[in-house]
Amino acid sequence: MPIYVYWGEDDFAIDRAVTALRDRTLDPAWGSFNFDKIPPDSPEATQQGLNQAMTPPFGGGGRFVWLQNTRLCQQCSAELHAELERTLKAIPETSVLLLTTRQKPDNRLKSTKLLKTVAQFQEFSAIPPWKTDLLEKRVRQVAKEVGVTLTEEAVALLAEAVGNDTRQLFGELEKLSLWVGEDNVTAAAVEQLVTATTQNSLQLAKAILDGRTDIALGLVSELVARNEAPLRIVATLTGQFRTWLWVKLMVEGRERDERAIARAAEVGNPKRVYFLRREVDRVGLGQLQQTLGVLLSLEFQLKRGADPVATLQMKVIELCGICRG
């Protein structure tokens, strides 16, 4: 069936996938006649999209109908569900119906279950910044797409610099390709041309773990100045401190198998466990447990509308004090 559901918070990756799907569907000469982008605030947007998808294309190529930011996988009335049941399986092969949403589809809904039977689902969620193995894998995938060859040291450094920012990753790789030409991209080239961004949240976590209040507050100011979302900063900190806590728990439990520790801490590369163990060596188990409580409080306050900068600064000072012990 020519029906697709793209979901996730990586807007840049979704936009690229939408463009690729649209270009495969439409004949450039007839594209303006056969492309319908329907925003969620349009009256009866879903019904309009279904009607357009059932309409044969004009001229050559197919018809491309895009229901942008739809809520179909989060809420759906009985009447609309009945219409979906009547229409989805009847959409002609000459049409492509695309639904996009930033929210994860609710698999309990009848509309989601119905779409699962007729549509191709694809996730575009941002990779957690602490999952370095997945970030490096993503760098290799995008580098291949852009046509750039990187050394392993350059892959690791670029993943560390851009974190999970797909838009910046593509931009940096295109810039590096112009710089090196047909040569391989080396770590030296990455250091010279690429500015670190989201990875600073992990640097903030390390500064907190070391109890370096001055450095931590400086990193908070830098992240805020770069418009990094406070809740994304908290998510990165929480993930990193959870990883450290799991490593500490396993070490305290006399576990020596680095693969077992990696599985428990959800660390993709077991070789990282050696460095994680060293990082938490001087911090007590109780201290790491306290940090998660503070981070939970920080997230709660931010979601309740507290001043983001002042709240971050206050909680960072508290976290540094806990880690100093």
Protein backbone atom coordinates (compact mmCIF):
# COMPACT_ATOMS: atom_id res chain seq x y z
CA MET A 1 0.00 0.00 0.00
CA PRO A 2 1.35 3.50 -0.85
CA ILE A 3 0.79 4.81 2.69
CA TYR A 4 3.59 5.98 4.99
CA VAL A 5 3.78 7.20 8.60
CA TYR A 6 6.92 9.14 9.57
CA TRP A 7 7.23 10.03 13.25
CA GLY A 8 9.83 11.47 15.61
CA GLU A 9 11.41 14.73 16.79
CA ASP A 10 14.22 14.89 14.22
CA ASP A 11 12.49 17.42 11.96
CA PHE A 12 15.45 17.77 9.61
CA ALA A 13 15.67 14.02 8.96
CA ILE A 14 11.90 13.85 8.40
CA ASP A 15 12.03 16.76 5.93
CA ARG A 16 14.77 15.01 3.94
CA ALA A 17 12.79 11.75 3.88
CA VAL A 18 9.63 13.60 2.81
CA THR A 19 11.51 15.32 -0.01
CA ALA A 20 12.97 12.02 -1.22
CA LEU A 21 9.56 10.31 -1.17
CA ARG A 22 7.90 13.25 -2.94
CA ASP A 23 10.57 13.32 -5.66
CA ARG A 24 10.12 9.59 -6.27
CA THR A 25 6.35 10.02 -6.61
CA LEU A 26 5.87 13.19 -8.65
CA ASP A 27 6.62 13.96 -12.26
CA PRO A 28 8.41 17.38 -12.12
CA ALA A 29 6.31 18.64 -15.03
CA TRP A 30 3.06 17.90 -13.18
CA GLY A 31 4.20 18.31 -9.56
CA SER A 32 2.26 21.51 -8.86
CA PHE A 33 -0.97 19.77 -9.88
CA ASN A 34 -0.42 16.56 -7.90
CA PHE A 35 1.12 17.70 -4.60
CA ASP A 36 -1.09 18.47 -1.58
CA LYS A 37 0.42 19.52 1.76
CA ILE A 38 -2.34 19.71 4.34
CA PRO A 39 -1.50 21.37 7.72
CA PRO A 40 -3.22 20.17 10.92
CA ASP A 41 -5.14 23.41 11.40
CA SER A 42 -7.01 22.99 8.11
CA PRO A 43 -10.73 22.29 8.59
CA GLU A 44 -11.35 18.55 8.37
CA ALA A 45 -7.69 18.02 7.39
CA THR A 46 -7.82 14.22 7.51
CA GLN A 47 -10.99 14.00 5.42
CA GLN A 48 -9.48 16.42 2.92
CA GLY A 49 -6.32 14.30 2.70
CA LEU A 50 -8.25 11.09 2.15
CA ASN A 51 -10.32 12.71 -0.60
CA GLN A 52 -7.21 13.99 -2.35
CA ALA A 53 -5.48 10.60 -2.08
CA MET A 54 -8.45 8.98 -3.82
CA THR A 55 -8.23 11.48 -6.71
CA PRO A 56 -6.33 10.25 -9.80
CA PRO A 57 -3.24 12.32 -10.69
CA PHE A 58 -3.25 14.80 -13.54
CA GLY A 59 -0.83 14.15 -16.38
CA GLY A 60 2.26 12.04 -15.65
CA GLY A 61 3.62 10.63 -12.41
CA GLY A 62 1.64 10.01 -9.25
CA ARG A 63 -0.22 12.07 -6.65
CA PHE A 64 1.49 12.95 -3.35
CA VAL A 65 -0.68 13.87 -0.34
CA TRP A 66 1.02 14.91 2.90
CA LEU A 67 -0.94 15.17 6.17
CA GLN A 68 1.51 17.27 8.16
CA ASN A 69 1.70 16.98 11.98
CA THR A 70 -1.41 14.82 12.07
CA ARG A 71 -2.99 13.71 15.35
CA LEU A 72 -4.47 10.52 13.90
CA CYS A 73 -2.13 8.30 15.92
CA GLN A 74 -2.91 10.16 19.16
CA GLN A 75 -6.67 10.66 18.92
CA CYS A 76 -9.35 9.58 16.47
CA SER A 77 -13.14 9.78 16.69
CA ALA A 78 -15.34 6.80 15.89
CA GLU A 79 -16.67 8.57 12.80
CA LEU A 80 -13.19 9.33 11.48
CA HIS A 81 -12.04 5.78 12.21
CA ALA A 82 -14.96 4.44 10.18
CA GLU A 83 -13.93 6.71 7.30
CA LEU A 84 -10.36 5.46 7.56
CA GLU A 85 -11.55 1.85 7.35
CA ARG A 86 -13.54 2.65 4.21
CA THR A 87 -10.82 4.62 2.47
CA LEU A 88 -7.31 3.46 3.35
CA LYS A 89 -7.50 0.07 1.62
CA ALA A 90 -9.04 1.67 -1.47
CA ILE A 91 -6.33 4.28 -2.11
CA PRO A 92 -5.06 3.72 -5.68
CA GLU A 93 -1.46 2.77 -6.41
CA THR A 94 -1.09 6.06 -8.28
CA SER A 95 -1.32 7.99 -4.98
CA VAL A 96 1.04 8.22 -2.01
CA LEU A 97 -0.46 9.25 1.33
CA LEU A 98 2.08 10.41 3.92
CA LEU A 99 1.31 11.15 7.57
CA THR A 100 3.92 12.84 9.77
CA THR A 101 3.86 13.46 13.51
CA ARG A 102 6.45 14.40 16.12
CA GLN A 103 4.78 12.23 18.77
CA LYS A 104 5.17 8.49 19.11
CA PRO A 105 2.06 6.71 17.77
CA ASP A 106 -0.24 5.34 20.47
CA ASN A 107 -0.39 1.63 19.68
CA ARG A 108 -3.53 1.25 21.80
CA LEU A 109 -5.64 3.35 19.43
CA LYS A 110 -7.77 1.67 16.80
CA SER A 111 -6.55 4.19 14.20
CA THR A 112 -2.91 3.27 14.87
CA LYS A 113 -3.70 -0.44 14.72
CA LEU A 114 -5.49 0.07 11.43
CA LEU A 115 -2.62 2.08 9.95
CA LYS A 116 -0.17 -0.64 11.05
CA THR A 117 -1.96 -3.04 8.70
CA VAL A 118 -1.73 -0.81 5.62
CA ALA A 119 1.14 1.66 6.13
CA GLN A 120 4.91 1.64 6.42
CA PHE A 121 6.03 3.22 9.70
CA GLN A 122 9.44 4.85 10.04
CA GLU A 123 10.89 6.43 13.17
CA PHE A 124 12.99 9.61 13.11
CA SER A 125 13.76 10.10 16.79
CA ALA A 126 16.92 11.87 17.88
CA ILE A 127 19.64 9.54 19.18
CA PRO A 128 20.31 10.06 22.91
CA PRO A 129 23.56 12.06 23.14
CA TRP A 130 25.17 9.53 25.50
CA LYS A 131 24.81 6.61 23.06
CA THR A 132 28.09 7.26 21.31
CA ASP A 133 28.07 4.01 19.32
CA LEU A 134 24.77 4.96 17.65
CA LEU A 135 25.97 8.52 17.04
CA GLU A 136 29.10 7.20 15.33
CA LYS A 137 27.01 4.78 13.26
CA ARG A 138 24.84 7.71 12.16
CA VAL A 139 27.95 9.71 11.19
CA ARG A 140 29.12 6.83 8.97
CA GLN A 141 25.67 6.55 7.33
CA VAL A 142 25.44 10.27 6.55
CA ALA A 143 29.07 10.41 5.39
CA LYS A 144 28.32 7.63 2.90
CA GLU A 145 25.23 9.52 1.72
CA VAL A 146 27.19 12.75 1.28
CA GLY A 147 30.08 10.88 -0.37
CA VAL A 148 32.77 11.57 2.24
CA THR A 149 35.27 9.09 3.68
CA LEU A 150 36.32 9.65 7.30
CA THR A 151 39.01 8.04 9.41
CA GLU A 152 37.79 6.28 12.55
CA GLU A 153 39.28 9.06 14.69
CA ALA A 154 37.37 11.64 12.62
CA VAL A 155 34.12 9.67 13.01
CA ALA A 156 34.46 9.63 16.80
CA LEU A 157 35.41 13.31 16.97
CA LEU A 158 32.56 14.42 14.68
CA ALA A 159 30.01 12.38 16.65
CA GLU A 160 31.31 13.99 19.83
CA ALA A 161 31.16 17.48 18.32
CA VAL A 162 27.66 17.50 16.79
CA GLY A 163 25.89 15.00 19.06
CA ASN A 164 22.42 14.15 17.69
CA ASP A 165 21.95 17.32 15.61
CA THR A 166 21.25 15.81 12.17
CA ARG A 167 21.03 19.20 10.46
CA GLN A 168 24.47 20.22 11.70
CA LEU A 169 25.91 16.79 10.83
CA PHE A 170 24.92 17.17 7.18
CA GLY A 171 26.19 20.75 7.12
CA GLU A 172 29.54 19.88 8.69
CA LEU A 173 30.09 16.90 6.36
CA GLU A 174 29.34 19.00 3.29
CA LYS A 175 31.77 21.64 4.56
CA LEU A 176 34.44 19.00 5.23
CA SER A 177 33.95 17.49 1.76
CA LEU A 178 34.68 20.88 0.16
CA TRP A 179 37.72 21.34 2.39
CA VAL A 180 39.43 17.98 1.75
CA GLY A 181 38.24 17.32 -1.81
CA GLU A 182 38.83 13.67 -2.66
CA ASP A 183 41.04 13.01 0.38
CA ASN A 184 39.88 11.28 3.55
CA VAL A 185 38.59 13.49 6.35
CA THR A 186 40.99 13.29 9.29
CA ALA A 187 40.54 14.16 12.94
CA ALA A 188 42.72 17.23 12.38
CA ALA A 189 40.28 18.52 9.76
CA VAL A 190 37.33 17.99 12.11
CA GLU A 191 39.12 19.81 14.93
CA GLN A 192 39.91 22.71 12.63
CA LEU A 193 36.48 23.17 11.03
CA VAL A 194 33.77 21.78 13.33
CA THR A 195 32.39 23.57 16.37
CA ALA A 196 31.14 21.37 19.22
CA THR A 197 27.50 21.94 20.21
CA THR A 198 25.20 19.41 21.91
CA GLN A 199 28.14 17.39 23.20
CA ASN A 200 28.71 20.21 25.69
CA SER A 201 25.82 18.71 27.68
CA LEU A 202 27.99 15.64 28.26
CA GLN A 203 30.91 17.90 29.17
CA LEU A 204 28.54 19.51 31.67
CA ALA A 205 27.74 16.09 33.13
CA LYS A 206 31.46 15.33 33.52
CA ALA A 207 32.11 18.69 35.17
CA ILE A 208 29.28 18.03 37.64
CA LEU A 209 30.60 14.54 38.39
CA ASP A 210 34.02 16.06 39.12
CA GLY A 211 32.41 18.67 41.36
CA ARG A 212 33.79 21.53 39.24
CA THR A 213 31.12 24.15 39.91
CA ASP A 214 32.92 26.95 38.04
CA ILE A 215 33.33 24.92 34.86
CA ALA A 216 29.79 23.54 35.10
CA LEU A 217 28.21 26.98 35.43
CA GLY A 218 30.28 28.21 32.48
CA LEU A 219 28.99 25.32 30.36
CA VAL A 220 25.41 26.10 31.38
CA SER A 221 25.86 29.69 30.20
CA GLU A 222 27.38 28.48 26.92
CA LEU A 223 24.56 26.02 26.27
CA VAL A 224 21.89 28.62 27.01
CA ALA A 225 23.66 31.14 24.75
CA ARG A 226 23.49 28.57 21.93
CA ASN A 227 19.74 28.16 22.49
CA GLU A 228 20.04 24.56 23.67
CA ALA A 229 16.63 23.56 25.07
CA PRO A 230 16.82 23.23 28.89
CA LEU A 231 14.81 19.99 28.88
CA ARG A 232 17.23 18.51 26.34
CA ILE A 233 20.12 19.41 28.65
CA VAL A 234 18.32 17.70 31.53
CA ALA A 235 17.59 14.63 29.38
CA THR A 236 21.29 14.30 28.52
CA LEU A 237 22.36 14.75 32.15
CA THR A 238 19.79 12.21 33.35
CA GLY A 239 20.87 9.63 30.77
CA GLN A 240 24.55 10.06 31.59
CA PHE A 241 24.08 9.90 35.36
CA ARG A 242 21.84 6.85 34.97
CA THR A 243 24.63 5.16 33.01
CA TRP A 244 27.16 6.04 35.70
CA LEU A 245 24.82 4.74 38.40
CA TRP A 246 24.37 1.39 36.63
CA VAL A 247 28.13 1.02 36.20
CA LYS A 248 28.69 1.83 39.88
CA LEU A 249 25.98 -0.64 40.95
CA MET A 250 27.57 -3.43 38.92
CA VAL A 251 31.06 -2.63 40.17
CA GLU A 252 29.85 -2.53 43.78
CA GLY A 253 28.21 -5.90 43.13
CA ARG A 254 31.64 -7.34 42.19
CA GLU A 255 30.75 -7.76 38.54
CA ARG A 256 33.93 -7.99 36.45
CA ASP A 257 32.53 -8.91 33.04
CA GLU A 258 32.57 -5.69 31.03
CA ARG A 259 29.99 -7.08 28.59
CA ALA A 260 27.57 -7.75 31.44
CA ILE A 261 28.12 -4.23 32.77
CA ALA A 262 27.61 -2.79 29.28
CA ARG A 263 24.30 -4.65 28.89
CA ALA A 264 23.02 -3.46 32.26
CA ALA A 265 24.06 0.16 31.62
CA GLU A 266 22.83 0.07 27.99
CA VAL A 267 26.30 0.93 26.71
CA GLY A 268 26.66 -0.20 23.12
CA ASN A 269 30.46 -0.52 23.16
CA PRO A 270 31.78 -2.66 26.07
CA LYS A 271 35.19 -1.02 25.68
CA ARG A 272 33.66 2.19 27.10
CA VAL A 273 33.04 0.43 30.41
CA TYR A 274 36.73 0.72 31.36
CA PHE A 275 36.56 4.52 31.09
CA LEU A 276 33.15 4.71 32.80
CA ARG A 277 34.49 2.70 35.74
CA ARG A 278 37.36 5.14 36.11
CA GLU A 279 35.00 8.11 35.95
CA VAL A 280 32.84 6.86 38.85
CA ASP A 281 35.73 5.47 40.88
CA ARG A 282 35.86 8.27 43.44
CA VAL A 283 32.09 8.92 43.58
CA GLY A 284 29.96 6.92 46.00
CA LEU A 285 26.89 4.92 45.07
CA GLY A 286 24.73 7.00 47.37
CA GLN A 287 25.93 10.23 45.76
CA LEU A 288 24.95 9.00 42.27
CA GLN A 289 21.54 7.96 43.57
CA GLN A 290 21.00 11.45 44.99
CA THR A 291 21.84 13.10 41.67
CA LEU A 292 18.93 11.40 39.91
CA GLY A 293 16.53 12.75 42.51
CA VAL A 294 17.85 16.28 41.94
CA LEU A 295 17.59 15.87 38.16
CA LEU A 296 14.01 14.66 38.49
CA SER A 297 13.22 17.75 40.57
CA LEU A 298 14.92 19.94 37.95
CA GLU A 299 12.84 18.44 35.15
CA PHE A 300 9.64 18.88 37.18
CA GLN A 301 10.38 22.54 37.91
CA LEU A 302 11.21 23.33 34.28
CA LYS A 303 7.98 21.71 33.09
CA ARG A 304 6.07 23.76 35.66
CA GLY A 305 7.43 26.96 34.10
CA ALA A 306 10.33 27.84 36.39
CA ASP A 307 12.95 30.25 35.05
CA PRO A 308 15.22 27.92 33.03
CA VAL A 309 18.57 29.68 33.52
CA ALA A 310 18.22 30.34 37.24
CA THR A 311 16.84 26.84 37.89
CA LEU A 312 19.60 25.15 35.92
CA GLN A 313 22.27 27.14 37.71
CA MET A 314 20.81 26.41 41.13
CA LYS A 315 20.48 22.66 40.50
CA VAL A 316 23.94 22.43 38.91
CA ILE A 317 25.45 23.96 42.05
CA GLU A 318 23.51 21.43 44.16
CA LEU A 319 24.64 18.52 41.96
CA CYS A 320 28.28 19.59 42.11
CA GLY A 321 28.04 19.74 45.90
CA ILE A 322 26.62 16.20 46.02
CA CYS A 323 29.39 14.83 43.79
CA ARG A 324 32.12 16.54 45.82
CA GLY A 325 30.67 14.71 48.80
